């Protein structure tokens, strides 16, 4: 995955994306997440990431445009 902006283990935070159907609560945007998996984009070519925080019991799947460096 040379086209991925973030690498495994990178610390990231969520960005609000008005195009998405699921809205992100401001509290979630304040959390730092770790990239645990990188998935190639199938339809649009944008890398997808599985991210995880110790503060949440689940992983999240997000697109590259929804993330920023922490």
C-alpha atoms as a PDB file:
ATOM      1  CA  UNK A   1       0.000   0.000   0.000  1.00  0.00           C
ATOM      2  CA  UNK A   2       2.384   2.703  -1.119  1.00  0.00           C
ATOM      3  CA  UNK A   3      -0.477   5.100  -1.846  1.00  0.00           C
ATOM      4  CA  UNK A   4      -1.713   5.186   1.761  1.00  0.00           C
ATOM      5  CA  UNK A   5      -1.128   8.490   3.536  1.00  0.00           C
ATOM      6  CA  UNK A   6      -1.030   6.906   7.011  1.00  0.00           C
ATOM      7  CA  UNK A   7       0.954   3.847   8.076  1.00  0.00           C
ATOM      8  CA  UNK A   8       0.149   1.074  10.528  1.00  0.00           C
ATOM      9  CA  UNK A   9       0.474   2.323  14.090  1.00  0.00           C
ATOM     10  CA  UNK A  10       0.069   5.974  13.079  1.00  0.00           C
ATOM     11  CA  UNK A  11      -1.809   8.148  15.571  1.00  0.00           C
ATOM     12  CA  UNK A  12      -4.732   9.936  13.894  1.00  0.00           C
ATOM     13  CA  UNK A  13      -7.872  11.897  14.705  1.00  0.00           C
ATOM     14  CA  UNK A  14     -11.232  12.056  12.955  1.00  0.00           C
ATOM     15  CA  UNK A  15     -12.280  14.999  10.811  1.00  0.00           C
ATOM     16  CA  UNK A  16     -15.865  16.070  10.196  1.00  0.00           C
ATOM     17  CA  UNK A  17     -16.974  15.178   6.674  1.00  0.00           C
ATOM     18  CA  UNK A  18     -20.257  16.743   5.625  1.00  0.00           C
ATOM     19  CA  UNK A  19     -20.574  14.312   2.689  1.00  0.00           C
ATOM     20  CA  UNK A  20     -20.855  11.310   4.993  1.00  0.00           C
ATOM     21  CA  UNK A  21     -24.200   9.956   6.119  1.00  0.00           C
ATOM     22  CA  UNK A  22     -22.884   9.217   9.613  1.00  0.00           C
ATOM     23  CA  UNK A  23     -22.185  12.327  11.650  1.00  0.00           C
ATOM     24  CA  UNK A  24     -19.238  12.387  14.012  1.00  0.00           C
ATOM     25  CA  UNK A  25     -19.840  13.663  17.527  1.00  0.00           C
ATOM     26  CA  UNK A  26     -17.358  16.346  18.702  1.00  0.00           C
ATOM     27  CA  UNK A  27     -16.247  14.035  21.526  1.00  0.00           C
ATOM     28  CA  UNK A  28     -15.176  11.434  18.946  1.00  0.00           C
ATOM     29  CA  UNK A  29     -13.184  14.067  17.076  1.00  0.00           C
ATOM     30  CA  UNK A  30     -11.191  14.759  20.261  1.00  0.00           C
ATOM     31  CA  UNK A  31     -10.094  11.116  20.622  1.00  0.00           C
ATOM     32  CA  UNK A  32      -6.753   9.911  19.274  1.00  0.00           C
ATOM     33  CA  UNK A  33      -6.966   6.671  17.297  1.00  0.00           C
ATOM     34  CA  UNK A  34      -4.348   4.214  16.069  1.00  0.00           C
ATOM     35  CA  UNK A  35      -4.328   2.838  12.517  1.00  0.00           C
ATOM     36  CA  UNK A  36      -4.616  -0.952  12.877  1.00  0.00           C
ATOM     37  CA  UNK A  37      -5.347  -1.939   9.262  1.00  0.00           C
ATOM     38  CA  UNK A  38      -5.032  -0.380   5.806  1.00  0.00           C
ATOM     39  CA  UNK A  39      -7.501  -1.462   3.110  1.00  0.00           C
ATOM     40  CA  UNK A  40      -7.097  -0.446  -0.558  1.00  0.00           C
ATOM     41  CA  UNK A  41      -9.961   1.598  -1.952  1.00  0.00           C
ATOM     42  CA  UNK A  42     -12.051  -0.581  -4.221  1.00  0.00           C
ATOM     43  CA  UNK A  43     -14.400   1.874  -5.919  1.00  0.00           C
ATOM     44  CA  UNK A  44     -12.849   5.312  -5.583  1.00  0.00           C
ATOM     45  CA  UNK A  45      -9.183   4.411  -5.078  1.00  0.00           C
ATOM     46  CA  UNK A  46      -9.091   6.147  -1.686  1.00  0.00           C
ATOM     47  CA  UNK A  47      -7.367   4.100   1.013  1.00  0.00           C
ATOM     48  CA  UNK A  48      -9.610   2.982   3.846  1.00  0.00           C
ATOM     49  CA  UNK A  49      -8.400   2.512   7.398  1.00  0.00           C
ATOM     50  CA  UNK A  50      -9.497   0.544  10.425  1.00  0.00           C
ATOM     51  CA  UNK A  51      -8.759   2.661  13.473  1.00  0.00           C
ATOM     52  CA  UNK A  52      -9.018   1.879  17.177  1.00  0.00           C
ATOM     53  CA  UNK A  53      -8.980   3.848  20.408  1.00  0.00           C
ATOM     54  CA  UNK A  54      -8.550   2.482  23.922  1.00  0.00           C
ATOM     55  CA  UNK A  55     -11.601   4.592  24.847  1.00  0.00           C
ATOM     56  CA  UNK A  56     -13.970   2.681  22.552  1.00  0.00           C
ATOM     57  CA  UNK A  57     -14.715  -1.061  22.496  1.00  0.00           C
ATOM     58  CA  UNK A  58     -14.847  -1.284  18.679  1.00  0.00           C
ATOM     59  CA  UNK A  59     -12.818  -0.443  15.588  1.00  0.00           C
ATOM     60  CA  UNK A  60     -13.967   2.148  13.074  1.00  0.00           C
ATOM     61  CA  UNK A  61     -13.642   1.938   9.287  1.00  0.00           C
ATOM     62  CA  UNK A  62     -12.956   5.352   7.733  1.00  0.00           C
ATOM     63  CA  UNK A  63     -11.679   6.849   4.508  1.00  0.00           C
ATOM     64  CA  UNK A  64      -8.403   8.706   4.229  1.00  0.00           C
ATOM     65  CA  UNK A  65     -10.133  12.091   3.829  1.00  0.00           C
ATOM     66  CA  UNK A  66     -11.748  11.617   7.251  1.00  0.00           C
ATOM     67  CA  UNK A  67      -8.382  11.487   9.046  1.00  0.00           C
ATOM     68  CA  UNK A  68      -5.644  13.881  10.098  1.00  0.00           C
ATOM     69  CA  UNK A  69      -2.379  13.336  11.934  1.00  0.00           C
ATOM     70  CA  UNK A  70      -2.818  13.503  15.700  1.00  0.00           C
END
